[in-house]
Amino acid sequence: MSYKGVIANIQIKINIRMMNEKENEKIIYPELSYKIIGFAFNVYNEVGFGLQEKYYQRMLMIEFEKKNICYKKEYFVELKYQDKIIGNYKLDFLVDNKIIVELKVKPKIGYTHVKQVLAYLKATNLKLAIIIYFTKEGVKYRRILNTY
């Protein structure tokens, strides 16, 4: 490869790195959300598939506590209409008062699960929720952004 080719190749790599850094800037709470997803993989790698959701929840709590991550388990959020409380939502986790984490033991995520989490985001006015579901094939997840 010529000198100009090497310079062009280096410039391409720099541009790609800069683009990736800009994309990461767009991700809401990247460091914390990556940790949360990593904890789910830790749990799955140790125990695998086939447990009830409540047991995955308890194991995830242990992961949060080991890494000193602030969380609230089964956190209740009031649903209001015209300043009157008409019900409650129960979040699986509220992590660091920023991210809703909803756990599922399902083969795939459905529209109803996304709709449920969007309602949580609207009620809390938070920016991000992560649905983590444990499947036979492994951990899958979806980041849901508040569009309201």
N, C-alpha and C. Protein backbone atom coordinates (compact mmCIF):
# COMPACT_ATOMS: atom_id res chain seq x y z
N MET A 1 0.85 -1.17 0.00
CA MET A 1 0.00 0.00 0.00
C MET A 1 0.89 1.24 0.00
N SER A 2 0.50 2.22 -0.77
CA SER A 2 1.28 3.46 -0.87
C SER A 2 1.10 4.31 0.38
N TYR A 3 1.95 5.32 0.49
CA TYR A 3 1.88 6.26 1.61
C TYR A 3 0.52 6.94 1.65
N LYS A 4 0.02 7.38 0.48
CA LYS A 4 -1.29 8.03 0.41
C LYS A 4 -2.40 7.07 0.81
N GLY A 5 -2.24 5.81 0.43
CA GLY A 5 -3.23 4.78 0.79
C GLY A 5 -3.28 4.56 2.30
N VAL A 6 -2.11 4.55 2.94
CA VAL A 6 -2.04 4.38 4.38
C VAL A 6 -2.70 5.56 5.08
N ILE A 7 -2.39 6.77 4.61
CA ILE A 7 -2.99 7.99 5.19
C ILE A 7 -4.51 7.95 5.03
N ALA A 8 -4.99 7.59 3.85
CA ALA A 8 -6.43 7.51 3.60
C ALA A 8 -7.08 6.47 4.51
N ASN A 9 -6.42 5.33 4.69
CA ASN A 9 -6.95 4.27 5.55
C ASN A 9 -7.03 4.75 7.00
N ILE A 10 -6.01 5.46 7.47
CA ILE A 10 -6.03 6.00 8.82
C ILE A 10 -7.15 7.02 8.97
N GLN A 11 -7.33 7.86 7.96
CA GLN A 11 -8.39 8.88 8.02
C GLN A 11 -9.76 8.22 8.08
N ILE A 12 -9.97 7.15 7.31
CA ILE A 12 -11.24 6.43 7.34
C ILE A 12 -11.50 5.88 8.74
N LYS A 13 -10.47 5.28 9.35
CA LYS A 13 -10.63 4.74 10.70
C LYS A 13 -10.96 5.83 11.70
N ILE A 14 -10.33 6.98 11.57
CA ILE A 14 -10.61 8.10 12.48
C ILE A 14 -12.04 8.57 12.29
N ASN A 15 -12.49 8.70 11.02
CA ASN A 15 -13.87 9.13 10.76
C ASN A 15 -14.88 8.15 11.32
N ILE A 16 -14.60 6.86 11.16
CA ILE A 16 -15.52 5.84 11.70
C ILE A 16 -15.57 5.94 13.22
N ARG A 17 -14.42 6.10 13.86
CA ARG A 17 -14.38 6.22 15.32
C ARG A 17 -15.16 7.45 15.77
N MET A 18 -15.02 8.56 15.06
CA MET A 18 -15.74 9.78 15.41
C MET A 18 -17.24 9.58 15.24
N MET A 19 -17.66 8.88 14.17
CA MET A 19 -19.08 8.60 13.96
C MET A 19 -19.61 7.73 15.09
N ASN A 20 -18.86 6.71 15.49
CA ASN A 20 -19.30 5.84 16.57
C ASN A 20 -19.43 6.61 17.88
N GLU A 21 -18.48 7.52 18.15
CA GLU A 21 -18.56 8.33 19.36
C GLU A 21 -19.79 9.23 19.33
N LYS A 22 -20.11 9.79 18.16
CA LYS A 22 -21.31 10.62 18.05
C LYS A 22 -22.57 9.80 18.25
N GLU A 23 -22.60 8.56 17.72
CA GLU A 23 -23.75 7.69 17.93
C GLU A 23 -23.91 7.37 19.41
N ASN A 24 -22.80 7.12 20.11
CA ASN A 24 -22.86 6.83 21.54
C ASN A 24 -23.37 8.02 22.32
N GLU A 25 -23.08 9.24 21.85
CA GLU A 25 -23.59 10.43 22.52
C GLU A 25 -25.11 10.48 22.45
N LYS A 26 -25.70 9.91 21.40
CA LYS A 26 -27.14 9.90 21.22
C LYS A 26 -27.82 8.88 22.14
N ILE A 27 -27.07 7.88 22.56
CA ILE A 27 -27.64 6.84 23.41
C ILE A 27 -27.87 7.43 24.80
N ILE A 28 -29.06 7.24 25.31
CA ILE A 28 -29.41 7.77 26.62
C ILE A 28 -28.85 6.85 27.69
N TYR A 29 -28.11 7.41 28.63
CA TYR A 29 -27.49 6.68 29.74
C TYR A 29 -26.73 5.44 29.25
N PRO A 30 -25.78 5.60 28.34
CA PRO A 30 -25.12 4.41 27.77
C PRO A 30 -24.40 3.55 28.80
N GLU A 31 -23.63 4.17 29.69
CA GLU A 31 -22.84 3.38 30.63
C GLU A 31 -23.73 2.56 31.56
N LEU A 32 -24.74 3.19 32.14
CA LEU A 32 -25.63 2.49 33.07
C LEU A 32 -26.46 1.43 32.36
N SER A 33 -26.97 1.75 31.18
CA SER A 33 -27.79 0.76 30.48
C SER A 33 -26.96 -0.45 30.05
N TYR A 34 -25.71 -0.24 29.64
CA TYR A 34 -24.85 -1.37 29.28
C TYR A 34 -24.55 -2.24 30.50
N LYS A 35 -24.38 -1.60 31.66
CA LYS A 35 -24.16 -2.37 32.89
C LYS A 35 -25.37 -3.25 33.20
N ILE A 36 -26.55 -2.66 33.12
CA ILE A 36 -27.78 -3.39 33.43
C ILE A 36 -27.92 -4.62 32.52
N ILE A 37 -27.70 -4.41 31.24
CA ILE A 37 -27.79 -5.52 30.28
C ILE A 37 -26.71 -6.55 30.57
N GLY A 38 -25.52 -6.11 30.91
CA GLY A 38 -24.44 -7.02 31.26
C GLY A 38 -24.78 -7.86 32.48
N PHE A 39 -25.45 -7.25 33.47
CA PHE A 39 -25.86 -8.00 34.66
C PHE A 39 -26.83 -9.11 34.27
N ALA A 40 -27.74 -8.82 33.35
CA ALA A 40 -28.69 -9.84 32.90
C ALA A 40 -27.96 -11.00 32.24
N PHE A 41 -26.93 -10.69 31.45
CA PHE A 41 -26.13 -11.76 30.82
C PHE A 41 -25.38 -12.56 31.88
N ASN A 42 -24.86 -11.89 32.92
CA ASN A 42 -24.19 -12.60 34.01
C ASN A 42 -25.13 -13.62 34.65
N VAL A 43 -26.34 -13.17 34.94
CA VAL A 43 -27.34 -14.05 35.55
C VAL A 43 -27.62 -15.24 34.64
N TYR A 44 -27.89 -14.96 33.37
CA TYR A 44 -28.22 -16.03 32.44
C TYR A 44 -27.06 -17.01 32.28
N ASN A 45 -25.85 -16.50 32.19
CA ASN A 45 -24.69 -17.36 32.02
C ASN A 45 -24.50 -18.30 33.20
N GLU A 46 -24.93 -17.86 34.37
CA GLU A 46 -24.76 -18.70 35.55
C GLU A 46 -25.90 -19.70 35.73
N VAL A 47 -27.15 -19.29 35.45
CA VAL A 47 -28.28 -20.18 35.77
C VAL A 47 -29.05 -20.66 34.55
N GLY A 48 -28.87 -20.00 33.41
CA GLY A 48 -29.55 -20.42 32.19
C GLY A 48 -31.03 -20.07 32.17
N PHE A 49 -31.77 -20.83 31.38
CA PHE A 49 -33.19 -20.56 31.14
C PHE A 49 -34.06 -21.51 31.97
N GLY A 50 -35.29 -21.11 32.20
CA GLY A 50 -36.26 -22.02 32.80
C GLY A 50 -36.76 -21.62 34.16
N LEU A 51 -36.26 -20.52 34.70
CA LEU A 51 -36.72 -20.07 36.01
C LEU A 51 -37.89 -19.10 35.87
N GLN A 52 -38.58 -18.87 36.96
CA GLN A 52 -39.65 -17.88 36.97
C GLN A 52 -39.04 -16.48 37.01
N GLU A 53 -39.84 -15.53 36.55
CA GLU A 53 -39.37 -14.14 36.49
C GLU A 53 -38.90 -13.63 37.85
N LYS A 54 -39.61 -13.99 38.90
CA LYS A 54 -39.25 -13.48 40.23
C LYS A 54 -37.84 -13.91 40.65
N TYR A 55 -37.39 -15.07 40.19
CA TYR A 55 -36.04 -15.53 40.56
C TYR A 55 -34.98 -14.77 39.76
N TYR A 56 -35.25 -14.50 38.49
CA TYR A 56 -34.32 -13.66 37.72
C TYR A 56 -34.25 -12.27 38.34
N GLN A 57 -35.39 -11.78 38.81
CA GLN A 57 -35.43 -10.47 39.45
C GLN A 57 -34.55 -10.46 40.70
N ARG A 58 -34.64 -11.49 41.51
CA ARG A 58 -33.84 -11.56 42.73
C ARG A 58 -32.35 -11.64 42.41
N MET A 59 -32.01 -12.39 41.37
CA MET A 59 -30.60 -12.50 40.99
C MET A 59 -30.07 -11.18 40.45
N LEU A 60 -30.92 -10.46 39.70
CA LEU A 60 -30.51 -9.16 39.19
C LEU A 60 -30.28 -8.18 40.34
N MET A 61 -31.10 -8.29 41.39
CA MET A 61 -30.90 -7.46 42.58
C MET A 61 -29.52 -7.70 43.18
N ILE A 62 -29.11 -8.96 43.23
CA ILE A 62 -27.78 -9.29 43.77
C ILE A 62 -26.69 -8.64 42.92
N GLU A 63 -26.87 -8.67 41.59
CA GLU A 63 -25.91 -8.02 40.69
C GLU A 63 -25.85 -6.52 40.95
N PHE A 64 -27.01 -5.88 41.10
CA PHE A 64 -27.05 -4.44 41.38
C PHE A 64 -26.31 -4.14 42.68
N GLU A 65 -26.56 -4.94 43.70
CA GLU A 65 -25.96 -4.70 45.00
C GLU A 65 -24.44 -4.91 44.97
N LYS A 66 -23.98 -5.93 44.24
CA LYS A 66 -22.53 -6.18 44.14
C LYS A 66 -21.81 -4.98 43.53
N LYS A 67 -22.46 -4.30 42.60
CA LYS A 67 -21.83 -3.18 41.89
C LYS A 67 -22.28 -1.82 42.42
N ASN A 68 -22.97 -1.82 43.56
CA ASN A 68 -23.44 -0.58 44.20
C ASN A 68 -24.31 0.27 43.26
N ILE A 69 -25.19 -0.38 42.54
CA ILE A 69 -26.12 0.33 41.67
C ILE A 69 -27.40 0.58 42.46
N CYS A 70 -27.81 1.83 42.52
CA CYS A 70 -29.03 2.22 43.24
C CYS A 70 -30.25 1.72 42.46
N TYR A 71 -31.16 1.05 43.14
CA TYR A 71 -32.37 0.55 42.46
C TYR A 71 -33.53 0.49 43.44
N LYS A 72 -34.72 0.47 42.88
CA LYS A 72 -35.94 0.24 43.65
C LYS A 72 -36.65 -0.92 42.97
N LYS A 73 -37.00 -1.92 43.76
CA LYS A 73 -37.66 -3.12 43.24
C LYS A 73 -39.17 -2.96 43.39
N GLU A 74 -39.90 -3.40 42.37
CA GLU A 74 -41.36 -3.34 42.38
C GLU A 74 -41.85 -1.96 42.84
N TYR A 75 -41.37 -0.98 42.13
CA TYR A 75 -41.63 0.43 42.45
C TYR A 75 -43.01 0.83 41.91
N PHE A 76 -43.84 1.39 42.78
CA PHE A 76 -45.18 1.80 42.39
C PHE A 76 -45.19 3.23 41.87
N VAL A 77 -45.88 3.42 40.76
CA VAL A 77 -46.04 4.74 40.15
C VAL A 77 -47.54 5.01 40.06
N GLU A 78 -47.94 6.17 40.56
CA GLU A 78 -49.36 6.52 40.52
C GLU A 78 -49.79 6.92 39.12
N LEU A 79 -50.94 6.45 38.73
CA LEU A 79 -51.55 6.85 37.46
C LEU A 79 -52.66 7.84 37.80
N LYS A 80 -52.55 9.03 37.23
CA LYS A 80 -53.49 10.09 37.58
C LYS A 80 -54.32 10.53 36.38
N TYR A 81 -55.51 10.98 36.69
CA TYR A 81 -56.39 11.61 35.72
C TYR A 81 -56.98 12.84 36.39
N GLN A 82 -56.76 13.99 35.81
CA GLN A 82 -57.23 15.26 36.36
C GLN A 82 -56.89 15.38 37.86
N ASP A 83 -55.63 15.13 38.16
CA ASP A 83 -55.09 15.23 39.52
C ASP A 83 -55.70 14.24 40.51
N LYS A 84 -56.40 13.23 40.02
CA LYS A 84 -56.94 12.19 40.89
C LYS A 84 -56.23 10.87 40.58
N ILE A 85 -55.84 10.18 41.63
CA ILE A 85 -55.17 8.89 41.45
C ILE A 85 -56.23 7.86 41.06
N ILE A 86 -56.00 7.23 39.90
CA ILE A 86 -56.96 6.24 39.42
C ILE A 86 -56.38 4.82 39.41
N GLY A 87 -55.10 4.72 39.74
CA GLY A 87 -54.48 3.39 39.76
C GLY A 87 -52.98 3.51 39.96
N ASN A 88 -52.32 2.36 39.87
CA ASN A 88 -50.87 2.29 40.04
C ASN A 88 -50.27 1.37 39.00
N TYR A 89 -49.06 1.71 38.61
CA TYR A 89 -48.24 0.79 37.83
C TYR A 89 -47.17 0.26 38.77
N LYS A 90 -46.76 -0.98 38.54
CA LYS A 90 -45.68 -1.56 39.33
C LYS A 90 -44.53 -1.89 38.40
N LEU A 91 -43.43 -1.13 38.54
CA LEU A 91 -42.25 -1.35 37.73
C LEU A 91 -41.42 -2.46 38.35
N ASP A 92 -40.86 -3.34 37.54
CA ASP A 92 -39.97 -4.37 38.09
C ASP A 92 -38.80 -3.71 38.81
N PHE A 93 -38.16 -2.76 38.13
CA PHE A 93 -37.06 -2.01 38.73
C PHE A 93 -37.09 -0.56 38.24
N LEU A 94 -36.70 0.33 39.13
CA LEU A 94 -36.33 1.68 38.75
C LEU A 94 -34.87 1.81 39.17
N VAL A 95 -34.00 1.95 38.19
CA VAL A 95 -32.57 1.95 38.44
C VAL A 95 -32.04 3.38 38.42
N ASP A 96 -31.41 3.76 39.52
CA ASP A 96 -30.78 5.07 39.67
C ASP A 96 -31.75 6.22 39.39
N ASN A 97 -33.02 5.98 39.65
CA ASN A 97 -34.08 6.97 39.39
C ASN A 97 -34.08 7.47 37.95
N LYS A 98 -33.54 6.65 37.01
CA LYS A 98 -33.41 7.07 35.62
C LYS A 98 -34.00 6.07 34.63
N ILE A 99 -33.78 4.78 34.90
CA ILE A 99 -34.10 3.76 33.90
C ILE A 99 -35.09 2.75 34.48
N ILE A 100 -36.16 2.53 33.75
CA ILE A 100 -37.11 1.48 34.10
C ILE A 100 -36.59 0.18 33.49
N VAL A 101 -36.58 -0.87 34.30
CA VAL A 101 -36.18 -2.19 33.81
C VAL A 101 -37.36 -3.13 34.02
N GLU A 102 -37.81 -3.70 32.94
CA GLU A 102 -38.93 -4.65 32.98
C GLU A 102 -38.40 -6.01 32.54
N LEU A 103 -38.65 -7.03 33.35
CA LEU A 103 -38.17 -8.38 33.06
C LEU A 103 -39.30 -9.24 32.53
N LYS A 104 -38.96 -10.12 31.62
CA LYS A 104 -39.92 -11.07 31.04
C LYS A 104 -39.23 -12.41 30.85
N VAL A 105 -40.00 -13.47 30.98
CA VAL A 105 -39.53 -14.81 30.64
C VAL A 105 -40.42 -15.26 29.49
N LYS A 106 -40.02 -14.89 28.30
CA LYS A 106 -40.82 -15.11 27.09
C LYS A 106 -39.89 -15.46 25.94
N PRO A 107 -40.41 -16.18 24.94
CA PRO A 107 -39.56 -16.47 23.78
C PRO A 107 -39.29 -15.23 22.92
N LYS A 108 -40.22 -14.29 22.93
CA LYS A 108 -40.00 -13.04 22.19
C LYS A 108 -40.85 -11.95 22.80
N ILE A 109 -40.47 -10.73 22.47
CA ILE A 109 -41.18 -9.58 23.01
C ILE A 109 -42.35 -9.25 22.09
N GLY A 110 -43.44 -8.85 22.69
CA GLY A 110 -44.63 -8.52 21.90
C GLY A 110 -44.99 -7.06 22.01
N TYR A 111 -45.92 -6.66 21.19
CA TYR A 111 -46.40 -5.28 21.17
C TYR A 111 -46.95 -4.88 22.53
N THR A 112 -47.64 -5.80 23.21
CA THR A 112 -48.23 -5.46 24.50
C THR A 112 -47.15 -5.12 25.53
N HIS A 113 -46.00 -5.78 25.45
CA HIS A 113 -44.91 -5.48 26.39
C HIS A 113 -44.34 -4.09 26.13
N VAL A 114 -44.17 -3.75 24.88
CA VAL A 114 -43.67 -2.42 24.52
C VAL A 114 -44.67 -1.36 24.95
N LYS A 115 -45.95 -1.61 24.68
CA LYS A 115 -47.00 -0.67 25.06
C LYS A 115 -47.04 -0.47 26.58
N GLN A 116 -46.88 -1.54 27.32
CA GLN A 116 -46.84 -1.47 28.78
C GLN A 116 -45.72 -0.56 29.26
N VAL A 117 -44.53 -0.74 28.70
CA VAL A 117 -43.37 0.05 29.12
C VAL A 117 -43.51 1.50 28.67
N LEU A 118 -44.10 1.72 27.51
CA LEU A 118 -44.34 3.10 27.07
C LEU A 118 -45.28 3.82 28.04
N ALA A 119 -46.27 3.11 28.55
CA ALA A 119 -47.18 3.69 29.55
C ALA A 119 -46.41 4.04 30.82
N TYR A 120 -45.49 3.18 31.22
CA TYR A 120 -44.65 3.46 32.39
C TYR A 120 -43.82 4.73 32.17
N LEU A 121 -43.24 4.83 30.99
CA LEU A 121 -42.42 6.01 30.68
C LEU A 121 -43.26 7.28 30.71
N LYS A 122 -44.44 7.20 30.15
CA LYS A 122 -45.32 8.37 30.14
C LYS A 122 -45.71 8.78 31.56
N ALA A 123 -46.04 7.80 32.39
CA ALA A 123 -46.47 8.08 33.76
C ALA A 123 -45.34 8.65 34.61
N THR A 124 -44.11 8.22 34.36
CA THR A 124 -42.97 8.66 35.17
C THR A 124 -42.24 9.85 34.57
N ASN A 125 -42.47 10.09 33.29
CA ASN A 125 -41.77 11.12 32.54
C ASN A 125 -40.26 10.85 32.49
N LEU A 126 -39.88 9.57 32.54
CA LEU A 126 -38.48 9.19 32.40
C LEU A 126 -38.16 9.03 30.92
N LYS A 127 -36.87 8.98 30.59
CA LYS A 127 -36.45 8.94 29.19
C LYS A 127 -36.26 7.53 28.64
N LEU A 128 -35.94 6.55 29.51
CA LEU A 128 -35.52 5.25 29.00
C LEU A 128 -36.07 4.10 29.83
N ALA A 129 -36.48 3.06 29.12
CA ALA A 129 -36.81 1.78 29.75
C ALA A 129 -36.10 0.69 28.97
N ILE A 130 -35.77 -0.38 29.67
CA ILE A 130 -35.16 -1.54 29.02
C ILE A 130 -36.01 -2.75 29.37
N ILE A 131 -36.47 -3.42 28.34
CA ILE A 131 -37.15 -4.69 28.54
C ILE A 131 -36.11 -5.79 28.35
N ILE A 132 -35.95 -6.60 29.38
CA ILE A 132 -35.00 -7.72 29.31
C ILE A 132 -35.82 -8.99 29.39
N TYR A 133 -35.61 -9.85 28.42
CA TYR A 133 -36.34 -11.11 28.48
C TYR A 133 -35.39 -12.28 28.31
N PHE A 134 -35.67 -13.27 29.14
CA PHE A 134 -34.84 -14.47 29.22
C PHE A 134 -35.50 -15.55 28.37
N THR A 135 -34.76 -16.04 27.38
CA THR A 135 -35.29 -17.02 26.44
C THR A 135 -34.39 -18.26 26.44
N LYS A 136 -34.85 -19.30 25.77
CA LYS A 136 -34.02 -20.50 25.63
C LYS A 136 -32.73 -20.19 24.89
N GLU A 137 -32.80 -19.20 23.98
CA GLU A 137 -31.63 -18.83 23.17
C GLU A 137 -30.70 -17.85 23.89
N GLY A 138 -31.11 -17.34 25.03
CA GLY A 138 -30.28 -16.40 25.76
C GLY A 138 -31.04 -15.15 26.17
N VAL A 139 -30.30 -14.17 26.60
CA VAL A 139 -30.89 -12.90 27.01
C VAL A 139 -31.12 -12.04 25.78
N LYS A 140 -32.29 -11.45 25.71
CA LYS A 140 -32.58 -10.48 24.67
C LYS A 140 -33.09 -9.23 25.37
N TYR A 141 -32.96 -8.11 24.70
CA TYR A 141 -33.40 -6.87 25.34
C TYR A 141 -33.82 -5.88 24.27
N ARG A 142 -34.59 -4.92 24.72
CA ARG A 142 -34.98 -3.81 23.85
C ARG A 142 -34.99 -2.54 24.68
N ARG A 143 -34.34 -1.53 24.17
CA ARG A 143 -34.34 -0.21 24.79
C ARG A 143 -35.55 0.55 24.23
N ILE A 144 -36.35 1.11 25.11
CA ILE A 144 -37.54 1.85 24.71
C ILE A 144 -37.36 3.30 25.17
N LEU A 145 -37.50 4.23 24.24
CA LEU A 145 -37.35 5.64 24.56
C LEU A 145 -38.71 6.30 24.77
N ASN A 146 -38.75 7.26 25.65
CA ASN A 146 -39.97 8.02 25.90
C ASN A 146 -40.19 8.98 24.74
N THR A 147 -41.27 8.80 24.04
CA THR A 147 -41.59 9.67 22.89
C THR A 147 -42.64 10.71 23.24
N TYR A 148 -43.02 10.75 24.51
CA TYR A 148 -44.07 11.71 24.92
C TYR A 148 -43.48 13.03 25.33
